[in-house]
Amino acid sequence: MSQKIGQALRQAFGTIGSLGLAIGLLGCGEAATSLGQSAGETAISPSAAAAGSPRTALVSNAFDPAAYSIATIDAELERMMLRDCLIFEEQQINDTVYLFCAGANDQPLRVEMGYPDGPVSRYWFHDDGQFYAHEDYFDGNFTRKVLADDGKTIVFTNSQGEWEAVDDIQEWQDTIDMVSMAITTVRSELGLERGEVSSSQTKHGSADILPVGMVKLARTGGDFNHRWATLVVPQPGTAVSAEGGAMRWYDLHLATMVALTADQFCGNPSARGAYFNYEADGGSVYMGQYFIPCNTAKELMDTFGRGRQISVEMEEGGFDLGTTQQAVPALPDSMMAQFRRQVVDVLTPECSDGGLCPGDRI
């Protein structure tokens, strides 16, 4: 594990107790209801009422409390624990243990990271790879958070170990973002890349991985259907060959944006796509803004495959997420004409909302 990621993980555990509490669900005075209450008996805490909190108590019509009762959750997690891992990898890297368990089509079933005999964060997924629950163990305490399928209801254990539930669209989406970050970190540390993992835990040597640049992720800002990111690359000119063949740096950078959209930003069923600001020459030249829809990104990855490994430095809100490896299309000379027809000619750059246009100096 990189030193930066290790420091960040230690800081997160030491400051707030667990990764799962980093987004502040517990103890924030939000409107909540016990799972033992009916919707008509929902209680709002005095502090939340006094503050006029915009968070509303349960229950939406789409939420079925019976499907998220304590007994139902326990039974589902017990079932999940007994599933076979078609892909399984567990390693201790420096002072952190990483675990990845996946089923068919490389869909995650269970992901873990933590310290030996110390804090552990565990993430559970449905059989189709959709996120279900997050568990934290810290200083002998146990917390659990389950996301309902309605896109806003969160069922969780509070600091007293009691079960509660809240409606909070922002918190629901922030949890999805946190889980995506955890999956990316664990995959990267174990060398397991989406679409390239086999039952023998194939590893990719660093000599085969091409560094591309840095991806700066923006917070959702209330838009829960799209991700915003900036790809910053070092090349002052992107029209030159990347590796001596027909593939230019521009082609590789566009393939990177497509691959990240398909594999990193479109796991949530509500996701619609990603907006990329593309900057060359270390961030000095604005290359344009691109919108890549989820369905387009997935179709293009199915068409062109994942035969090449690249790496990008990742950060979000100024927080260093370390280096992420990503599988992208290999793009040999024989495929370049098709790639430019289906990708380069279709995903064209536009001016930014702030008025920057392709070719402008930043």
Protein backbone atom coordinates (compact mmCIF):
# COMPACT_ATOMS: atom_id res chain seq x y z
CA MET A 1 0.00 0.00 0.00
CA SER A 2 1.27 3.47 -0.77
CA GLN A 3 2.43 5.55 2.18
CA LYS A 4 -0.12 8.27 1.38
CA ILE A 5 -3.07 5.85 1.44
CA GLY A 6 -1.80 4.29 4.65
CA GLN A 7 -1.52 7.67 6.33
CA ALA A 8 -4.98 8.66 5.12
CA LEU A 9 -6.51 5.41 6.40
CA ARG A 10 -4.83 5.76 9.79
CA GLN A 11 -5.97 9.35 10.05
CA ALA A 12 -9.54 8.40 9.18
CA PHE A 13 -9.66 5.62 11.79
CA GLY A 14 -7.90 7.70 14.43
CA THR A 15 -10.01 10.82 14.00
CA ILE A 16 -13.53 9.55 13.50
CA GLY A 17 -13.38 5.93 14.51
CA SER A 18 -14.24 4.36 11.18
CA LEU A 19 -14.53 5.00 7.47
CA GLY A 20 -18.26 4.47 7.65
CA LEU A 21 -18.75 7.42 9.99
CA ALA A 22 -16.71 9.79 7.84
CA ILE A 23 -19.80 11.20 6.21
CA GLY A 24 -21.46 11.95 9.54
CA LEU A 25 -24.65 9.93 9.63
CA LEU A 26 -24.67 9.04 13.30
CA GLY A 27 -25.26 11.54 16.05
CA CYS A 28 -26.03 14.51 13.79
CA GLY A 29 -29.53 15.26 15.01
CA GLU A 30 -31.25 14.06 11.87
CA ALA A 31 -34.88 13.04 11.82
CA ALA A 32 -35.10 9.33 12.51
CA THR A 33 -37.45 6.56 13.45
CA SER A 34 -36.87 3.31 15.25
CA LEU A 35 -37.57 0.18 13.26
CA GLY A 36 -40.04 -0.74 15.95
CA GLN A 37 -42.17 2.33 15.24
CA SER A 38 -44.86 2.68 12.66
CA ALA A 39 -44.71 5.51 10.17
CA GLY A 40 -47.37 7.37 12.17
CA GLU A 41 -45.22 7.20 15.32
CA THR A 42 -42.10 8.66 13.71
CA ALA A 43 -40.24 10.88 16.15
CA ILE A 44 -38.19 13.93 15.22
CA SER A 45 -35.41 14.86 17.61
CA PRO A 46 -35.87 18.25 19.36
CA SER A 47 -32.53 19.48 18.03
CA ALA A 48 -33.52 18.71 14.44
CA ALA A 49 -36.93 20.31 14.86
CA ALA A 50 -35.45 23.43 16.39
CA ALA A 51 -32.90 23.76 13.62
CA GLY A 52 -35.50 23.25 10.92
CA SER A 53 -33.50 20.38 9.47
CA PRO A 54 -34.36 19.64 5.82
CA ARG A 55 -33.98 15.94 6.52
CA THR A 56 -37.38 14.32 6.77
CA ALA A 57 -38.38 11.26 8.73
CA LEU A 58 -39.56 7.97 7.32
CA VAL A 59 -41.34 6.74 5.42
CA SER A 60 -41.59 7.06 1.63
CA ASN A 61 -44.17 4.92 -0.12
CA ALA A 62 -41.39 3.02 -1.86
CA PHE A 63 -39.83 1.90 1.43
CA ASP A 64 -41.01 -1.35 2.99
CA PRO A 65 -39.88 -1.56 6.66
CA ALA A 66 -40.50 -5.31 6.72
CA ALA A 67 -37.84 -5.79 4.05
CA TYR A 68 -35.30 -4.08 6.32
CA SER A 69 -36.20 -5.46 9.73
CA ILE A 70 -33.38 -6.59 12.00
CA ALA A 71 -34.23 -10.24 11.39
CA THR A 72 -34.38 -9.77 7.62
CA ILE A 73 -31.04 -7.95 7.52
CA ASP A 74 -29.36 -10.56 9.71
CA ALA A 75 -30.73 -13.38 7.56
CA GLU A 76 -29.59 -11.70 4.33
CA LEU A 77 -26.07 -11.07 5.66
CA GLU A 78 -25.85 -14.67 6.87
CA ARG A 79 -26.82 -15.82 3.37
CA MET A 80 -24.26 -13.48 1.82
CA MET A 81 -21.56 -14.84 4.11
CA LEU A 82 -22.13 -18.37 2.80
CA ARG A 83 -21.74 -17.47 -0.88
CA ASP A 84 -18.80 -18.88 -2.81
CA CYS A 85 -16.13 -16.46 -4.02
CA LEU A 86 -15.23 -17.24 -7.62
CA ILE A 87 -12.42 -14.71 -7.18
CA PHE A 88 -10.80 -14.33 -3.77
CA GLU A 89 -7.74 -12.36 -2.74
CA GLU A 90 -6.59 -11.34 0.73
CA GLN A 91 -3.27 -9.70 1.54
CA GLN A 92 -1.66 -7.71 4.30
CA ILE A 93 0.24 -4.81 2.72
CA ASN A 94 2.32 -2.94 5.27
CA ASP A 95 -0.06 -2.54 8.22
CA THR A 96 -3.37 -2.91 6.36
CA VAL A 97 -5.28 -6.05 5.38
CA TYR A 98 -7.25 -5.98 2.11
CA LEU A 99 -9.85 -8.56 1.06
CA PHE A 100 -11.75 -8.88 -2.21
CA CYS A 101 -14.40 -11.52 -2.92
CA ALA A 102 -16.22 -11.53 -6.27
CA GLY A 103 -18.79 -13.65 -8.04
CA ALA A 104 -19.77 -13.99 -11.68
CA ASN A 105 -18.60 -11.31 -14.10
CA ASP A 106 -16.17 -9.95 -11.51
CA GLN A 107 -19.05 -8.46 -9.48
CA PRO A 108 -17.97 -7.73 -5.88
CA LEU A 109 -19.67 -9.77 -3.16
CA ARG A 110 -17.59 -8.68 -0.16
CA VAL A 111 -14.82 -6.10 0.19
CA GLU A 112 -12.82 -5.41 3.36
CA MET A 113 -9.96 -3.26 4.56
CA GLY A 114 -8.58 -2.64 8.02
CA TYR A 115 -5.86 -3.47 10.50
CA PRO A 116 -4.98 -6.88 12.00
CA ASP A 117 -6.73 -7.09 15.39
CA GLY A 118 -7.94 -3.53 14.83
CA PRO A 119 -10.54 -1.43 13.00
CA VAL A 120 -12.12 -3.10 9.98
CA SER A 121 -14.58 -1.81 7.37
CA ARG A 122 -16.58 -4.44 5.48
CA TYR A 123 -18.83 -3.87 2.46
CA TRP A 124 -21.52 -6.34 1.35
CA PHE A 125 -23.06 -6.52 -2.11
CA HIS A 126 -26.09 -8.19 -3.66
CA ASP A 127 -25.50 -11.09 -6.05
CA ASP A 128 -25.65 -8.67 -8.99
CA GLY A 129 -22.90 -6.48 -7.50
CA GLN A 130 -25.15 -3.69 -6.18
CA PHE A 131 -24.21 -2.36 -2.75
CA TYR A 132 -26.23 -3.61 0.24
CA ALA A 133 -24.57 -2.95 3.60
CA HIS A 134 -21.53 -1.47 5.31
CA GLU A 135 -20.17 -2.72 8.65
CA ASP A 136 -17.54 -1.16 10.91
CA TYR A 137 -15.65 -2.67 13.83
CA PHE A 138 -13.74 -0.17 15.98
CA ASP A 139 -12.54 -0.38 19.61
CA GLY A 140 -14.91 -3.23 20.29
CA ASN A 141 -17.90 -1.34 18.88
CA PHE A 142 -19.92 -2.48 15.90
CA THR A 143 -22.00 -0.34 13.54
CA ARG A 144 -23.96 -1.32 10.47
CA LYS A 145 -25.55 0.69 7.66
CA VAL A 146 -27.94 -0.67 5.03
CA LEU A 147 -29.16 1.28 1.98
CA ALA A 148 -32.75 0.72 0.88
CA ASP A 149 -33.50 0.45 -2.83
CA ASP A 150 -35.57 3.66 -2.87
CA GLY A 151 -32.47 5.85 -3.26
CA LYS A 152 -32.85 7.74 0.01
CA THR A 153 -33.64 5.52 3.02
CA ILE A 154 -30.76 4.45 5.27
CA VAL A 155 -31.16 1.87 8.03
CA PHE A 156 -28.36 1.94 10.62
CA THR A 157 -27.29 1.19 14.17
CA ASN A 158 -26.75 4.27 16.31
CA SER A 159 -24.08 4.81 18.97
CA GLN A 160 -26.22 2.92 21.51
CA GLY A 161 -26.51 -0.08 19.22
CA GLU A 162 -30.16 0.65 18.47
CA TRP A 163 -31.59 0.45 14.95
CA GLU A 164 -32.89 3.61 13.32
CA ALA A 165 -33.75 4.80 9.83
CA VAL A 166 -33.62 8.15 8.04
CA ASP A 167 -34.55 9.61 4.68
CA ASP A 168 -31.51 11.46 3.35
CA ILE A 169 -30.82 11.52 -0.39
CA GLN A 170 -27.44 13.27 0.04
CA GLU A 171 -26.25 10.78 2.69
CA TRP A 172 -27.46 7.86 0.58
CA GLN A 173 -25.43 9.07 -2.43
CA ASP A 174 -22.40 9.95 -0.29
CA THR A 175 -22.41 6.37 0.98
CA ILE A 176 -22.41 5.06 -2.59
CA ASP A 177 -19.47 7.36 -3.37
CA MET A 178 -17.60 6.12 -0.29
CA VAL A 179 -18.18 2.49 -1.30
CA SER A 180 -16.94 3.18 -4.84
CA MET A 181 -13.81 4.72 -3.34
CA ALA A 182 -13.29 1.67 -1.12
CA ILE A 183 -13.65 -0.76 -4.04
CA THR A 184 -11.19 1.26 -6.11
CA THR A 185 -8.67 1.33 -3.25
CA VAL A 186 -8.90 -2.41 -2.51
CA ARG A 187 -8.69 -3.39 -6.17
CA SER A 188 -5.70 -1.12 -6.68
CA GLU A 189 -3.81 -2.37 -3.63
CA LEU A 190 -4.41 -6.03 -4.53
CA GLY A 191 -3.63 -5.47 -8.21
CA LEU A 192 -7.07 -6.69 -9.26
CA GLU A 193 -8.43 -4.80 -12.23
CA ARG A 194 -12.03 -4.98 -13.36
CA GLY A 195 -12.44 -7.24 -16.39
CA GLU A 196 -8.89 -8.58 -16.10
CA VAL A 197 -9.14 -10.71 -12.96
CA SER A 198 -9.10 -14.49 -13.14
CA SER A 199 -9.69 -17.17 -10.52
CA SER A 200 -5.93 -17.34 -10.07
CA GLN A 201 -5.79 -13.65 -9.12
CA THR A 202 -3.78 -12.50 -12.14
CA LYS A 203 -1.39 -9.66 -11.29
CA HIS A 204 -0.06 -7.04 -13.67
CA GLY A 205 3.57 -6.08 -13.50
CA SER A 206 4.32 -2.39 -13.12
CA ALA A 207 6.33 -2.48 -16.37
CA ASP A 208 3.11 -3.20 -18.29
CA ILE A 209 1.19 -0.28 -16.76
CA LEU A 210 1.25 3.07 -18.55
CA PRO A 211 0.86 6.19 -16.34
CA VAL A 212 -1.65 8.61 -17.85
CA GLY A 213 -2.12 11.52 -15.45
CA MET A 214 -4.32 12.65 -12.57
CA VAL A 215 -8.09 12.48 -12.08
CA LYS A 216 -9.58 15.05 -9.71
CA LEU A 217 -13.05 14.06 -8.56
CA ALA A 218 -15.57 16.72 -7.57
CA ARG A 219 -18.22 16.29 -4.90
CA THR A 220 -21.72 15.51 -6.14
CA GLY A 221 -23.06 18.93 -5.19
CA GLY A 222 -26.61 17.59 -5.09
CA ASP A 223 -26.46 15.97 -8.55
CA PHE A 224 -26.78 12.29 -7.74
CA ASN A 225 -27.01 11.03 -11.32
CA HIS A 226 -23.70 12.34 -12.66
CA ARG A 227 -20.05 12.46 -11.64
CA TRP A 228 -17.76 15.41 -12.35
CA ALA A 229 -14.04 14.90 -12.82
CA THR A 230 -10.99 16.61 -14.29
CA LEU A 231 -8.36 14.62 -16.18
CA VAL A 232 -5.00 16.40 -16.04
CA VAL A 233 -2.26 15.02 -18.32
CA PRO A 234 1.39 16.07 -18.68
CA GLN A 235 1.63 16.15 -22.49
CA PRO A 236 1.68 19.68 -24.00
CA GLY A 237 0.69 18.17 -27.36
CA THR A 238 -1.79 15.28 -27.42
CA ALA A 239 -1.85 14.69 -31.19
CA VAL A 240 1.48 12.81 -31.19
CA SER A 241 1.83 9.03 -31.01
CA ALA A 242 1.62 7.63 -27.49
CA GLU A 243 3.71 4.49 -28.06
CA GLY A 244 5.05 4.77 -31.60
CA GLY A 245 1.92 3.52 -33.37
CA ALA A 246 -1.29 5.06 -34.65
CA MET A 247 -2.70 5.62 -31.16
CA ARG A 248 -2.21 9.24 -30.11
CA TRP A 249 -2.14 10.49 -26.55
CA TYR A 250 -5.53 12.08 -27.27
CA ASP A 251 -6.95 8.66 -28.16
CA LEU A 252 -5.56 7.11 -24.99
CA HIS A 253 -6.85 9.96 -22.82
CA LEU A 254 -10.34 9.64 -24.31
CA ALA A 255 -10.24 5.86 -23.82
CA THR A 256 -9.27 6.47 -20.19
CA MET A 257 -12.27 8.73 -19.63
CA VAL A 258 -14.58 6.15 -21.21
CA ALA A 259 -13.14 3.30 -19.11
CA LEU A 260 -13.35 5.25 -15.85
CA THR A 261 -16.95 6.18 -16.60
CA ALA A 262 -17.94 2.58 -17.34
CA ASP A 263 -16.08 0.90 -14.49
CA GLN A 264 -15.85 3.51 -11.73
CA PHE A 265 -18.72 5.99 -12.11
CA CYS A 266 -21.68 3.94 -13.35
CA GLY A 267 -22.08 1.27 -10.67
CA ASN A 268 -25.08 3.01 -9.10
CA PRO A 269 -28.37 2.18 -10.91
CA SER A 270 -29.32 5.88 -10.90
CA ALA A 271 -26.05 6.94 -12.59
CA ARG A 272 -26.46 8.59 -15.98
CA GLY A 273 -22.89 9.46 -16.89
CA ALA A 274 -19.79 11.53 -16.17
CA TYR A 275 -18.62 15.00 -17.11
CA PHE A 276 -14.88 15.34 -17.69
CA ASN A 277 -12.87 18.53 -17.93
CA TYR A 278 -9.75 17.60 -19.90
CA GLU A 279 -6.54 19.58 -19.29
CA ALA A 280 -3.17 19.12 -21.03
CA ASP A 281 0.33 20.40 -20.27
CA GLY A 282 -0.06 19.72 -16.56
CA GLY A 283 -3.28 21.71 -16.37
CA SER A 284 -2.16 24.71 -18.45
CA VAL A 285 -4.20 24.05 -21.61
CA TYR A 286 -7.96 23.45 -21.57
CA MET A 287 -8.87 20.66 -24.00
CA GLY A 288 -12.62 20.76 -23.49
CA GLN A 289 -15.50 19.31 -21.52
CA TYR A 290 -16.89 15.87 -22.37
CA PHE A 291 -20.10 14.19 -21.30
CA ILE A 292 -19.93 10.39 -21.44
CA PRO A 293 -23.26 8.59 -20.81
CA CYS A 294 -23.12 5.35 -18.83
CA ASN A 295 -24.75 3.24 -21.54
CA THR A 296 -22.36 4.63 -24.16
CA ALA A 297 -19.30 3.98 -21.98
CA LYS A 298 -20.32 0.39 -21.26
CA GLU A 299 -21.12 -0.34 -24.90
CA LEU A 300 -17.76 1.07 -26.03
CA MET A 301 -15.87 -0.99 -23.46
CA ASP A 302 -17.70 -4.11 -24.61
CA THR A 303 -16.78 -3.25 -28.21
CA PHE A 304 -13.10 -2.39 -27.74
CA GLY A 305 -12.26 -4.53 -24.71
CA ARG A 306 -9.93 -4.03 -21.76
CA GLY A 307 -6.60 -5.19 -23.12
CA ARG A 308 -4.35 -2.42 -21.78
CA GLN A 309 -3.46 -1.34 -18.25
CA ILE A 310 -3.00 2.30 -17.34
CA SER A 311 -2.67 4.09 -14.01
CA VAL A 312 -3.98 7.44 -12.80
CA GLU A 313 -3.43 9.40 -9.62
CA MET A 314 -6.78 10.02 -7.94
CA GLU A 315 -7.92 12.72 -5.57
CA GLU A 316 -11.30 13.94 -4.34
CA GLY A 317 -11.86 17.29 -2.72
CA GLY A 318 -8.10 17.66 -2.21
CA PHE A 319 -7.87 14.24 -0.51
CA ASP A 320 -5.22 11.99 -2.08
CA LEU A 321 -6.70 8.60 -3.00
CA GLY A 322 -3.42 7.21 -4.31
CA THR A 323 -2.76 5.47 -7.61
CA THR A 324 -5.54 3.55 -9.36
CA GLN A 325 -4.95 1.00 -12.09
CA GLN A 326 -7.58 0.85 -14.82
CA ALA A 327 -8.13 -1.47 -17.76
CA VAL A 328 -8.66 0.42 -21.04
CA PRO A 329 -8.92 -0.63 -24.71
CA ALA A 330 -5.57 -1.79 -26.13
CA LEU A 331 -6.12 0.11 -29.43
CA PRO A 332 -3.67 -1.53 -31.85
CA ASP A 333 -3.22 0.13 -35.24
CA SER A 334 -5.82 -2.19 -36.77
CA MET A 335 -8.55 -0.81 -34.46
CA MET A 336 -7.73 2.89 -34.62
CA ALA A 337 -9.97 3.73 -37.59
CA GLN A 338 -12.97 2.14 -35.88
CA PHE A 339 -12.11 3.78 -32.53
CA ARG A 340 -11.93 7.23 -34.08
CA ARG A 341 -15.21 6.66 -35.91
CA GLN A 342 -17.13 5.41 -32.89
CA VAL A 343 -15.43 7.34 -30.10
CA VAL A 344 -13.35 10.34 -31.20
CA ASP A 345 -15.90 11.57 -33.75
CA VAL A 346 -18.82 11.06 -31.34
CA LEU A 347 -17.46 12.26 -27.97
CA THR A 348 -16.47 15.77 -28.97
CA PRO A 349 -15.23 18.54 -26.63
CA GLU A 350 -17.33 21.54 -25.66
CA CYS A 351 -16.64 24.79 -23.83
CA SER A 352 -16.90 24.71 -20.05
CA ASP A 353 -19.70 26.32 -18.08
CA GLY A 354 -17.14 28.91 -16.99
CA GLY A 355 -16.43 29.97 -20.57
CA LEU A 356 -13.19 28.09 -21.22
CA CYS A 357 -13.02 26.59 -24.71
CA PRO A 358 -10.73 23.94 -26.24
CA GLY A 359 -7.24 25.37 -26.74
CA ASP A 360 -7.58 28.14 -24.13
CA ARG A 361 -4.71 28.67 -21.72
CA ILE A 362 -5.67 28.23 -18.09
